[in-house]
Amino acid sequence: MEHLYAPWRSSYLLKSKAPKNCIFCSKFKEKKDKKNYVLFRGKNCFVLLNLYPYNDGHLMIAPNRHLADPKILKKEEWQELHETSRLSLQILKKVIHPEGFNMGMNLGKTAGAGIADHLHLHIVPRWTGDTNFLPVIGKSKVISQDLSKVYDKLAPLFKAEQGL
């Protein structure tokens, strides 16, 4: 059996204090999109860059409403979440040219959700050879682009979709 280690995320996982407020709700309400790396605001969900990415362009799509269980999503929220994921894949393909993607939700702490109270869908762009020994041996992960630069590349395409 092979094991995948992600030690660069330990600083996030080992934080002793959970934030008082939901980071998704806070970022959604603040309306400081560039500061918070919010790329898209739909009627029912929004897209933002992950502050602790596995790879360049690691996105999260979250419903605007604070909820943990997908069964609670209204039909239009569920549909928009998935339509927005399709849009996100198209934009990522066009801008950063990944060779593949990982997509999924971690529902509940036990399943690996760092923020278990507000469901969110991860989209992680992947390239051949993007996993290597450096995170395991050197306890470092190379993210080739600064989040601000990734945001600046992706934001215009998401804004165009919103008619902005």
N, C-alpha and C. Protein backbone atom coordinates (compact mmCIF):
# COMPACT_ATOMS: atom_id res chain seq x y z
N MET A 1 0.84 -1.17 0.00
CA MET A 1 0.00 0.00 0.00
C MET A 1 0.88 1.24 0.00
N GLU A 2 0.55 2.20 -0.87
CA GLU A 2 1.28 3.46 -0.89
C GLU A 2 0.59 4.45 0.04
N HIS A 3 1.37 5.36 0.61
CA HIS A 3 0.84 6.37 1.50
C HIS A 3 1.12 7.74 0.92
N LEU A 4 0.15 8.63 1.03
CA LEU A 4 0.33 10.01 0.60
C LEU A 4 0.44 10.87 1.84
N TYR A 5 1.53 11.57 1.98
CA TYR A 5 1.75 12.42 3.13
C TYR A 5 1.66 13.87 2.71
N ALA A 6 1.10 14.70 3.56
CA ALA A 6 0.98 16.12 3.29
C ALA A 6 1.43 16.92 4.51
N PRO A 7 2.70 16.80 4.91
CA PRO A 7 3.15 17.46 6.14
C PRO A 7 3.11 18.98 6.08
N TRP A 8 3.11 19.59 4.89
CA TRP A 8 3.06 21.04 4.78
C TRP A 8 1.74 21.58 5.32
N ARG A 9 0.73 20.72 5.46
CA ARG A 9 -0.56 21.16 5.98
C ARG A 9 -0.64 21.06 7.50
N SER A 10 0.41 20.55 8.14
CA SER A 10 0.35 20.33 9.59
C SER A 10 0.13 21.62 10.36
N SER A 11 0.69 22.75 9.89
CA SER A 11 0.48 24.00 10.62
C SER A 11 -1.00 24.37 10.65
N TYR A 12 -1.71 24.05 9.60
CA TYR A 12 -3.15 24.30 9.56
C TYR A 12 -3.90 23.31 10.45
N LEU A 13 -3.56 22.06 10.33
CA LEU A 13 -4.28 21.02 11.08
C LEU A 13 -4.03 21.08 12.57
N LEU A 14 -2.87 21.56 12.97
CA LEU A 14 -2.51 21.56 14.38
C LEU A 14 -2.84 22.86 15.11
N LYS A 15 -3.50 23.77 14.43
CA LYS A 15 -3.88 25.01 15.10
C LYS A 15 -4.70 24.67 16.33
N SER A 16 -4.29 25.24 17.47
CA SER A 16 -4.94 24.88 18.72
C SER A 16 -6.33 25.51 18.85
N LYS A 17 -6.54 26.64 18.22
CA LYS A 17 -7.82 27.32 18.34
C LYS A 17 -8.55 27.31 17.01
N ALA A 18 -9.76 26.84 17.04
CA ALA A 18 -10.60 26.94 15.85
C ALA A 18 -11.09 28.38 15.78
N PRO A 19 -11.28 28.90 14.57
CA PRO A 19 -11.77 30.27 14.48
C PRO A 19 -13.15 30.38 15.13
N LYS A 20 -13.42 31.55 15.75
CA LYS A 20 -14.71 31.77 16.39
C LYS A 20 -15.84 31.73 15.38
N ASN A 21 -15.61 32.35 14.25
CA ASN A 21 -16.63 32.43 13.21
C ASN A 21 -16.26 31.51 12.06
N CYS A 22 -17.23 31.09 11.33
CA CYS A 22 -17.00 30.28 10.14
C CYS A 22 -16.23 31.12 9.11
N ILE A 23 -15.10 30.61 8.64
CA ILE A 23 -14.32 31.40 7.68
C ILE A 23 -15.07 31.59 6.36
N PHE A 24 -15.87 30.62 5.97
CA PHE A 24 -16.63 30.78 4.73
C PHE A 24 -17.67 31.89 4.88
N CYS A 25 -18.40 31.87 5.97
CA CYS A 25 -19.41 32.91 6.20
C CYS A 25 -18.75 34.28 6.33
N SER A 26 -17.63 34.35 7.04
CA SER A 26 -16.93 35.62 7.22
C SER A 26 -16.45 36.18 5.89
N LYS A 27 -15.83 35.34 5.09
CA LYS A 27 -15.31 35.81 3.80
C LYS A 27 -16.45 36.20 2.86
N PHE A 28 -17.55 35.47 2.91
CA PHE A 28 -18.69 35.78 2.08
C PHE A 28 -19.29 37.13 2.46
N LYS A 29 -19.41 37.40 3.76
CA LYS A 29 -20.05 38.63 4.25
C LYS A 29 -19.16 39.86 4.08
N GLU A 30 -17.84 39.68 4.14
CA GLU A 30 -16.91 40.82 4.13
C GLU A 30 -16.95 41.63 2.84
N LYS A 31 -17.21 41.00 1.73
CA LYS A 31 -17.23 41.69 0.43
C LYS A 31 -15.86 42.29 0.08
N LYS A 32 -14.79 41.68 0.58
CA LYS A 32 -13.41 42.08 0.24
C LYS A 32 -12.83 40.93 -0.58
N ASP A 33 -13.32 40.82 -1.81
CA ASP A 33 -13.03 39.63 -2.60
C ASP A 33 -11.56 39.42 -2.88
N LYS A 34 -10.85 40.45 -3.27
CA LYS A 34 -9.42 40.26 -3.58
C LYS A 34 -8.65 39.87 -2.33
N LYS A 35 -8.91 40.53 -1.22
CA LYS A 35 -8.23 40.23 0.05
C LYS A 35 -8.52 38.79 0.49
N ASN A 36 -9.75 38.35 0.29
CA ASN A 36 -10.17 37.02 0.73
C ASN A 36 -10.08 35.96 -0.36
N TYR A 37 -9.58 36.33 -1.52
CA TYR A 37 -9.42 35.42 -2.66
C TYR A 37 -10.75 34.82 -3.11
N VAL A 38 -11.82 35.60 -2.99
CA VAL A 38 -13.12 35.17 -3.50
C VAL A 38 -13.16 35.49 -4.99
N LEU A 39 -13.33 34.46 -5.80
CA LEU A 39 -13.29 34.60 -7.25
C LEU A 39 -14.66 34.78 -7.90
N PHE A 40 -15.68 34.25 -7.26
CA PHE A 40 -17.00 34.21 -7.89
C PHE A 40 -18.07 34.22 -6.82
N ARG A 41 -19.13 34.98 -7.07
CA ARG A 41 -20.30 35.01 -6.18
C ARG A 41 -21.53 34.71 -7.02
N GLY A 42 -22.15 33.59 -6.74
CA GLY A 42 -23.38 33.25 -7.42
C GLY A 42 -24.57 33.54 -6.52
N LYS A 43 -25.74 33.22 -6.99
CA LYS A 43 -26.95 33.41 -6.19
C LYS A 43 -26.93 32.53 -4.94
N ASN A 44 -26.37 31.32 -5.06
CA ASN A 44 -26.42 30.34 -3.98
C ASN A 44 -25.07 29.84 -3.48
N CYS A 45 -23.98 30.15 -4.20
CA CYS A 45 -22.66 29.67 -3.77
C CYS A 45 -21.58 30.62 -4.24
N PHE A 46 -20.38 30.42 -3.72
CA PHE A 46 -19.25 31.25 -4.12
C PHE A 46 -17.99 30.39 -4.20
N VAL A 47 -16.99 30.92 -4.92
CA VAL A 47 -15.73 30.22 -5.16
C VAL A 47 -14.59 31.04 -4.57
N LEU A 48 -13.67 30.37 -3.88
CA LEU A 48 -12.49 31.04 -3.37
C LEU A 48 -11.29 30.12 -3.45
N LEU A 49 -10.12 30.74 -3.45
CA LEU A 49 -8.87 29.98 -3.40
C LEU A 49 -8.66 29.44 -1.99
N ASN A 50 -8.10 28.25 -1.90
CA ASN A 50 -7.74 27.66 -0.62
C ASN A 50 -6.46 28.30 -0.13
N LEU A 51 -6.47 28.79 1.11
CA LEU A 51 -5.27 29.40 1.70
C LEU A 51 -4.17 28.40 1.97
N TYR A 52 -4.53 27.11 2.06
CA TYR A 52 -3.57 26.04 2.33
C TYR A 52 -3.66 25.03 1.18
N PRO A 53 -3.26 25.46 -0.01
CA PRO A 53 -3.50 24.63 -1.21
C PRO A 53 -2.62 23.39 -1.29
N TYR A 54 -3.19 22.36 -1.90
CA TYR A 54 -2.39 21.19 -2.27
C TYR A 54 -1.60 21.48 -3.54
N ASN A 55 -2.16 22.32 -4.41
CA ASN A 55 -1.51 22.71 -5.66
C ASN A 55 -1.99 24.09 -6.06
N ASP A 56 -1.27 24.71 -7.01
CA ASP A 56 -1.72 25.99 -7.57
C ASP A 56 -3.15 25.85 -8.07
N GLY A 57 -3.96 26.85 -7.79
CA GLY A 57 -5.33 26.86 -8.29
C GLY A 57 -6.30 26.02 -7.48
N HIS A 58 -5.92 25.56 -6.29
CA HIS A 58 -6.81 24.76 -5.44
C HIS A 58 -7.99 25.64 -5.01
N LEU A 59 -9.17 25.32 -5.54
CA LEU A 59 -10.39 26.10 -5.27
C LEU A 59 -11.29 25.39 -4.29
N MET A 60 -12.14 26.19 -3.64
CA MET A 60 -13.22 25.65 -2.82
C MET A 60 -14.50 26.36 -3.24
N ILE A 61 -15.56 25.59 -3.37
CA ILE A 61 -16.87 26.14 -3.70
C ILE A 61 -17.78 25.85 -2.52
N ALA A 62 -18.36 26.90 -1.97
CA ALA A 62 -19.18 26.75 -0.77
C ALA A 62 -20.55 27.38 -0.99
N PRO A 63 -21.58 26.79 -0.40
CA PRO A 63 -22.89 27.44 -0.45
C PRO A 63 -22.86 28.75 0.35
N ASN A 64 -23.67 29.70 -0.06
CA ASN A 64 -23.74 30.96 0.68
C ASN A 64 -24.32 30.74 2.07
N ARG A 65 -25.20 29.77 2.19
CA ARG A 65 -25.79 29.45 3.49
C ARG A 65 -24.84 28.58 4.30
N HIS A 66 -24.85 28.79 5.60
CA HIS A 66 -24.02 28.01 6.51
C HIS A 66 -24.73 26.69 6.82
N LEU A 67 -24.20 25.60 6.28
CA LEU A 67 -24.76 24.28 6.56
C LEU A 67 -23.71 23.23 6.33
N ALA A 68 -23.83 22.13 7.04
CA ALA A 68 -22.83 21.07 6.99
C ALA A 68 -23.26 19.86 6.20
N ASP A 69 -24.55 19.67 6.03
CA ASP A 69 -25.08 18.45 5.44
C ASP A 69 -25.65 18.72 4.05
N PRO A 70 -25.16 18.04 3.02
CA PRO A 70 -25.68 18.28 1.67
C PRO A 70 -27.17 18.00 1.54
N LYS A 71 -27.73 17.16 2.43
CA LYS A 71 -29.17 16.87 2.36
C LYS A 71 -30.00 18.13 2.62
N ILE A 72 -29.41 19.11 3.28
CA ILE A 72 -30.14 20.33 3.61
C ILE A 72 -30.15 21.31 2.43
N LEU A 73 -29.24 21.13 1.50
CA LEU A 73 -29.21 22.01 0.33
C LEU A 73 -30.52 21.94 -0.44
N LYS A 74 -30.98 23.10 -0.85
CA LYS A 74 -32.14 23.15 -1.74
C LYS A 74 -31.68 22.70 -3.13
N LYS A 75 -32.63 22.27 -3.93
CA LYS A 75 -32.30 21.77 -5.26
C LYS A 75 -31.50 22.80 -6.07
N GLU A 76 -31.93 24.06 -6.01
CA GLU A 76 -31.23 25.10 -6.79
C GLU A 76 -29.82 25.37 -6.24
N GLU A 77 -29.62 25.18 -4.94
CA GLU A 77 -28.29 25.33 -4.37
C GLU A 77 -27.38 24.20 -4.84
N TRP A 78 -27.89 22.98 -4.82
CA TRP A 78 -27.14 21.82 -5.27
C TRP A 78 -26.77 21.96 -6.75
N GLN A 79 -27.73 22.38 -7.55
CA GLN A 79 -27.47 22.55 -8.99
C GLN A 79 -26.43 23.63 -9.24
N GLU A 80 -26.56 24.75 -8.53
CA GLU A 80 -25.59 25.82 -8.74
C GLU A 80 -24.19 25.42 -8.29
N LEU A 81 -24.11 24.69 -7.20
CA LEU A 81 -22.82 24.21 -6.72
C LEU A 81 -22.12 23.40 -7.81
N HIS A 82 -22.87 22.54 -8.46
CA HIS A 82 -22.28 21.70 -9.50
C HIS A 82 -22.06 22.43 -10.82
N GLU A 83 -22.94 23.35 -11.16
CA GLU A 83 -22.70 24.18 -12.35
C GLU A 83 -21.46 25.05 -12.14
N THR A 84 -21.30 25.56 -10.93
CA THR A 84 -20.13 26.38 -10.62
C THR A 84 -18.86 25.55 -10.62
N SER A 85 -18.95 24.29 -10.22
CA SER A 85 -17.77 23.43 -10.29
C SER A 85 -17.38 23.19 -11.75
N ARG A 86 -18.37 23.02 -12.61
CA ARG A 86 -18.08 22.83 -14.04
C ARG A 86 -17.43 24.08 -14.62
N LEU A 87 -17.95 25.25 -14.28
CA LEU A 87 -17.36 26.51 -14.71
C LEU A 87 -15.92 26.62 -14.21
N SER A 88 -15.71 26.28 -12.94
CA SER A 88 -14.38 26.36 -12.34
C SER A 88 -13.38 25.46 -13.06
N LEU A 89 -13.80 24.26 -13.41
CA LEU A 89 -12.93 23.35 -14.17
C LEU A 89 -12.55 23.97 -15.51
N GLN A 90 -13.53 24.55 -16.20
CA GLN A 90 -13.25 25.16 -17.51
C GLN A 90 -12.24 26.30 -17.39
N ILE A 91 -12.43 27.14 -16.38
CA ILE A 91 -11.52 28.27 -16.19
C ILE A 91 -10.12 27.80 -15.81
N LEU A 92 -10.03 26.85 -14.90
CA LEU A 92 -8.72 26.32 -14.52
C LEU A 92 -8.00 25.69 -15.72
N LYS A 93 -8.74 24.95 -16.54
CA LYS A 93 -8.12 24.36 -17.74
C LYS A 93 -7.58 25.43 -18.66
N LYS A 94 -8.34 26.49 -18.84
CA LYS A 94 -7.95 27.56 -19.76
C LYS A 94 -6.76 28.36 -19.24
N VAL A 95 -6.71 28.60 -17.93
CA VAL A 95 -5.71 29.51 -17.37
C VAL A 95 -4.43 28.81 -16.91
N ILE A 96 -4.56 27.69 -16.19
CA ILE A 96 -3.34 27.08 -15.64
C ILE A 96 -3.01 25.71 -16.24
N HIS A 97 -3.84 25.22 -17.12
CA HIS A 97 -3.57 24.02 -17.92
C HIS A 97 -3.19 22.76 -17.13
N PRO A 98 -3.98 22.38 -16.12
CA PRO A 98 -3.67 21.13 -15.42
C PRO A 98 -3.95 19.92 -16.31
N GLU A 99 -3.35 18.80 -15.96
CA GLU A 99 -3.55 17.56 -16.71
C GLU A 99 -4.69 16.73 -16.15
N GLY A 100 -5.16 17.09 -14.96
CA GLY A 100 -6.26 16.39 -14.32
C GLY A 100 -6.71 17.14 -13.09
N PHE A 101 -7.69 16.59 -12.39
CA PHE A 101 -8.24 17.23 -11.19
C PHE A 101 -8.60 16.19 -10.15
N ASN A 102 -8.54 16.58 -8.89
CA ASN A 102 -9.22 15.87 -7.81
C ASN A 102 -10.36 16.78 -7.38
N MET A 103 -11.54 16.20 -7.19
CA MET A 103 -12.70 16.95 -6.72
C MET A 103 -13.36 16.17 -5.60
N GLY A 104 -13.83 16.86 -4.57
CA GLY A 104 -14.57 16.16 -3.54
C GLY A 104 -14.88 17.01 -2.34
N MET A 105 -15.72 16.43 -1.48
CA MET A 105 -16.10 17.06 -0.22
C MET A 105 -15.68 16.14 0.92
N ASN A 106 -15.14 16.72 1.96
CA ASN A 106 -14.88 16.00 3.20
C ASN A 106 -16.00 16.38 4.15
N LEU A 107 -16.90 15.45 4.40
CA LEU A 107 -18.07 15.74 5.22
C LEU A 107 -17.85 15.21 6.62
N GLY A 108 -17.64 16.11 7.56
CA GLY A 108 -17.39 15.75 8.95
C GLY A 108 -15.91 15.73 9.28
N LYS A 109 -15.59 16.01 10.54
CA LYS A 109 -14.19 16.02 11.01
C LYS A 109 -13.49 14.71 10.72
N THR A 110 -14.17 13.59 10.99
CA THR A 110 -13.57 12.28 10.80
C THR A 110 -13.19 12.03 9.34
N ALA A 111 -13.93 12.63 8.43
CA ALA A 111 -13.65 12.47 7.00
C ALA A 111 -12.55 13.41 6.53
N GLY A 112 -12.02 14.24 7.43
CA GLY A 112 -10.93 15.12 7.06
C GLY A 112 -11.31 16.57 6.85
N ALA A 113 -12.56 16.93 7.15
CA ALA A 113 -12.98 18.31 6.96
C ALA A 113 -12.31 19.21 7.99
N GLY A 114 -11.52 20.17 7.51
CA GLY A 114 -10.91 21.15 8.40
C GLY A 114 -11.96 22.12 8.91
N ILE A 115 -12.98 22.35 8.11
CA ILE A 115 -14.11 23.20 8.49
C ILE A 115 -15.34 22.34 8.27
N ALA A 116 -15.76 21.65 9.30
CA ALA A 116 -16.82 20.66 9.17
C ALA A 116 -18.22 21.26 9.17
N ASP A 117 -18.37 22.47 9.69
CA ASP A 117 -19.70 23.05 9.85
C ASP A 117 -20.24 23.74 8.60
N HIS A 118 -19.39 23.95 7.60
CA HIS A 118 -19.83 24.61 6.37
C HIS A 118 -19.31 23.78 5.20
N LEU A 119 -20.19 23.03 4.57
CA LEU A 119 -19.73 22.14 3.50
C LEU A 119 -19.11 22.93 2.37
N HIS A 120 -18.18 22.31 1.70
CA HIS A 120 -17.50 22.94 0.57
C HIS A 120 -16.90 21.86 -0.32
N LEU A 121 -16.85 22.16 -1.58
CA LEU A 121 -16.31 21.25 -2.58
C LEU A 121 -14.91 21.72 -2.96
N HIS A 122 -13.95 20.81 -2.89
CA HIS A 122 -12.58 21.12 -3.29
C HIS A 122 -12.37 20.75 -4.75
N ILE A 123 -11.66 21.60 -5.46
CA ILE A 123 -11.17 21.27 -6.80
C ILE A 123 -9.66 21.50 -6.77
N VAL A 124 -8.91 20.41 -6.96
CA VAL A 124 -7.45 20.48 -6.90
C VAL A 124 -6.89 20.13 -8.27
N PRO A 125 -6.29 21.11 -8.95
CA PRO A 125 -5.63 20.83 -10.23
C PRO A 125 -4.43 19.90 -10.02
N ARG A 126 -4.20 19.02 -10.98
CA ARG A 126 -3.09 18.05 -10.86
C ARG A 126 -2.27 18.02 -12.16
N TRP A 127 -0.98 17.74 -11.98
CA TRP A 127 -0.05 17.59 -13.09
C TRP A 127 0.77 16.34 -12.85
N THR A 128 1.19 15.71 -13.92
CA THR A 128 2.07 14.55 -13.81
C THR A 128 3.31 14.97 -13.04
N GLY A 129 3.64 14.21 -12.01
CA GLY A 129 4.85 14.49 -11.23
C GLY A 129 4.67 15.54 -10.15
N ASP A 130 3.42 15.98 -9.88
CA ASP A 130 3.27 17.02 -8.86
C ASP A 130 3.39 16.48 -7.44
N THR A 131 3.47 15.18 -7.29
CA THR A 131 3.79 14.62 -5.98
C THR A 131 5.24 14.14 -6.05
N ASN A 132 5.98 14.43 -5.01
CA ASN A 132 7.40 14.06 -5.00
C ASN A 132 7.86 13.88 -3.56
N PHE A 133 9.14 13.72 -3.37
CA PHE A 133 9.69 13.43 -2.06
C PHE A 133 9.80 14.65 -1.16
N LEU A 134 9.78 15.85 -1.70
CA LEU A 134 10.06 17.05 -0.92
C LEU A 134 9.14 17.22 0.30
N PRO A 135 7.82 17.02 0.18
CA PRO A 135 6.99 17.17 1.37
C PRO A 135 7.32 16.16 2.47
N VAL A 136 7.73 14.96 2.08
CA VAL A 136 8.01 13.93 3.08
C VAL A 136 9.39 14.12 3.68
N ILE A 137 10.40 14.27 2.86
CA ILE A 137 11.78 14.39 3.33
C ILE A 137 12.06 15.79 3.87
N GLY A 138 11.70 16.80 3.10
CA GLY A 138 12.02 18.18 3.47
C GLY A 138 10.94 18.89 4.24
N LYS A 139 9.79 18.22 4.47
CA LYS A 139 8.66 18.83 5.16
C LYS A 139 8.30 20.18 4.54
N SER A 140 8.37 20.23 3.23
CA SER A 140 8.06 21.45 2.48
C SER A 140 7.24 21.08 1.25
N LYS A 141 6.37 21.96 0.87
CA LYS A 141 5.59 21.77 -0.35
C LYS A 141 5.85 22.97 -1.24
N VAL A 142 6.17 22.71 -2.49
CA VAL A 142 6.41 23.78 -3.43
C VAL A 142 5.10 24.14 -4.12
N ILE A 143 4.66 25.34 -3.89
CA ILE A 143 3.53 25.91 -4.62
C ILE A 143 4.16 26.96 -5.51
N SER A 144 4.07 26.77 -6.81
CA SER A 144 4.89 27.56 -7.72
C SER A 144 4.44 29.01 -7.87
N GLN A 145 3.19 29.32 -7.51
CA GLN A 145 2.73 30.69 -7.68
C GLN A 145 2.11 31.21 -6.40
N ASP A 146 2.35 32.48 -6.13
CA ASP A 146 1.75 33.17 -5.00
C ASP A 146 0.23 33.21 -5.20
N LEU A 147 -0.53 33.10 -4.11
CA LEU A 147 -1.99 33.10 -4.20
C LEU A 147 -2.51 34.36 -4.91
N SER A 148 -1.89 35.49 -4.66
CA SER A 148 -2.34 36.74 -5.31
C SER A 148 -2.19 36.66 -6.83
N LYS A 149 -1.13 36.04 -7.28
CA LYS A 149 -0.92 35.91 -8.73
C LYS A 149 -1.92 34.94 -9.34
N VAL A 150 -2.19 33.85 -8.64
CA VAL A 150 -3.20 32.90 -9.12
C VAL A 150 -4.56 33.59 -9.17
N TYR A 151 -4.89 34.34 -8.11
CA TYR A 151 -6.15 35.09 -8.07
C TYR A 151 -6.24 36.03 -9.27
N ASP A 152 -5.18 36.79 -9.52
CA ASP A 152 -5.19 37.77 -10.62
C ASP A 152 -5.36 37.11 -11.98
N LYS A 153 -4.90 35.89 -12.13
CA LYS A 153 -5.07 35.18 -13.40
C LYS A 153 -6.49 34.64 -13.57
N LEU A 154 -7.07 34.14 -12.46
CA LEU A 154 -8.38 33.50 -12.53
C LEU A 154 -9.54 34.49 -12.45
N ALA A 155 -9.38 35.54 -11.65
CA ALA A 155 -10.49 36.47 -11.36
C ALA A 155 -11.14 37.05 -12.61
N PRO A 156 -10.40 37.51 -13.62
CA PRO A 156 -11.07 38.10 -14.77
C PRO A 156 -12.05 37.14 -15.48
N LEU A 157 -11.71 35.88 -15.53
CA LEU A 157 -12.60 34.92 -16.19
C LEU A 157 -13.85 34.66 -15.37
N PHE A 158 -13.70 34.58 -14.05
CA PHE A 158 -14.87 34.42 -13.18
C PHE A 158 -15.73 35.68 -13.22
N LYS A 159 -15.10 36.85 -13.21
CA LYS A 159 -15.85 38.12 -13.26
C LYS A 159 -16.62 38.22 -14.57
N ALA A 160 -16.02 37.78 -15.66
CA ALA A 160 -16.72 37.80 -16.96
C ALA A 160 -17.97 36.95 -16.92
N GLU A 161 -17.92 35.84 -16.20
CA GLU A 161 -19.09 34.97 -16.07
C GLU A 161 -20.20 35.62 -15.28
N GLN A 162 -19.84 36.54 -14.41
CA GLN A 162 -20.83 37.26 -13.60
C GLN A 162 -21.30 38.53 -14.29
N GLY A 163 -20.72 38.83 -15.45
CA GLY A 163 -21.08 40.04 -16.16
C GLY A 163 -20.49 41.29 -15.54
N LEU A 164 -19.38 41.14 -14.82
CA LEU A 164 -18.75 42.31 -14.18
C LEU A 164 -17.60 42.84 -15.01
